[in-house]
Each structure stands twice: as structure tokens, then as C-alpha cells.
Amino acid sequence: MSQDPLVSIVIPFYNCAYVHQAIESALKQSYPHIEVIVVNDGSSKHLDKINPYLGRIVYLAKRNGGTGSALNAGIRRASGKYFSWLSSDDLYEPDKVARQVAFMQEHGVSVSYGAYYHIDSNNCRVMGGKAGITYPERGQFIKTMLRGCFINGCTVMLNMDVWNEVGLFNESLKYTQDYDMWMRLLHKYDFYYLDEPLVLYRVHPEMGSQKYASSITKEIHQVQYNYRKSLEALIRK
């Protein structure tokens, strides 16, 4: 197996003022074999922030359809062995991809996620230290996921083969397409946890989790309802 398989970093973008910082952090990865795919999901603002990078990224433009549809567009265009998602307002530490590829190869796994730091709009680390949790026992992991999603999507790395098993992101879910995906993956895969904070998760007034909290809660309840019976059956096995 190649020691340096290609990693496709997909950055969905919709009117985000921080997109250039996300792209910069992806392009500055120490890992040598990456492709950075930026998917413009119908943006009308901050497009000028992408222009300086057009010669170094794969750029896709589409009509607005939500994060799930943007991620799917990036996945369909990707040619890597591994998929990694970076939100346009977040950042990767320089060794994020290198450390996670090594971790996945060492353990021979298809699904991994990890720890992260919170940052504010000025890129200062906030809210204390490292965030991220795991549960070594599979049943407890699933039970906790049924109560709420504790996986930060930008810490996730997946082998591209998983899409053949579970399908792509659910585009009908505007806010919880990631939670839905992790629930589907749990039926077939274990999530391996890399206990290193390699993602910087930005907390700012324009972030969707703050602006659309009530709508997100409704979608969370729907996702939990959709998978509760099947995941509880897994726990009983």
C-alpha cells in the first residue's frame, strides 16, 4: 500500500468571510499528497477571497443546495483514497492530514475522528483546552450518539470506499447531514478516535449552529427517530 495516498479535502463555501483562511490551512498541510476541493454553494459574497487560490485548488460552483449537497459535489469530483471535510470558517493544524493518515494506516481503519480546539473570530484559542470525547465500548458509543452528536465533522477522515456502503450525505437535511451520516456509518463501521487536537473550530456570531438553533434541534430529533430502532438493535447484538 502506498505510504502517501492522496487525500481529498473538501471545503463547502457559502458567503463565509473566513474561507481564505480555511483554504490556506488546507494548502499548508505538511502531508505531500492532497487535493483541495472548494465547492461554492451559490455564494454571493466573499468570492474575491477565493480568487488568489484558483491555480492551486479544484474549484466547483453550483446553485445553493446546502452543506450536504456541496459535500456530495466535492466527493463526486474527488480522486483521493481518503476524504476529509473542512468547514470554510474552520482551520486545520499543519500536521492534521499527515497525523490522521498515519493513524488510519497504523490501525487499518476506514473511519476516524479526533479532538479539536475552539477558536474565536480572531483565531485565538478559547474555552479552555482540548475538546473531544470517545467511548471505547461500542454499545456506549452508540447509546451516546443516540442522545446527540459529539463528533466534530471537520475532524473526520474516511476511506472513500465507505460511500459505496452507505451512500452520500442526505441533501434533504439542511443542518444535520453529518449527524445522519455518522448514524449510518455506525451500522457498518467503528469510529476510531485520534486524541490529538488537529482542528481549530471557530465560534462566531454568524455560525449556523447559533443562528439556526431551533431548526437544528428539530432535525436532530428527526435523525434520532430515524435510527433509534436499528441502532438499539445493534447494541443488543
Foldseek 3Di string as FASTA:
>chain_A
DDPQWEEEEEEEDAQDQQQLQAVVQVVLAPRDHYAYEYEDQQHPHDPVSCVVCPVRHHYHYDHHQAPQVSVVVSLVPDDTQKYAYDYSNKHFANHLVVVVSVVCVVVVFFKEFEKAFEAENVRHTDDDDIADDDDPDLLVRLVVLLVHDRTDRRRMMGGSCVCVVQNGFDSVDRPCSVSLVVLSVSVPHDYHYDYDHGMYHYDYPPDPCNVPVVSVVVVSVVSSVVRVVVSVVVSVD
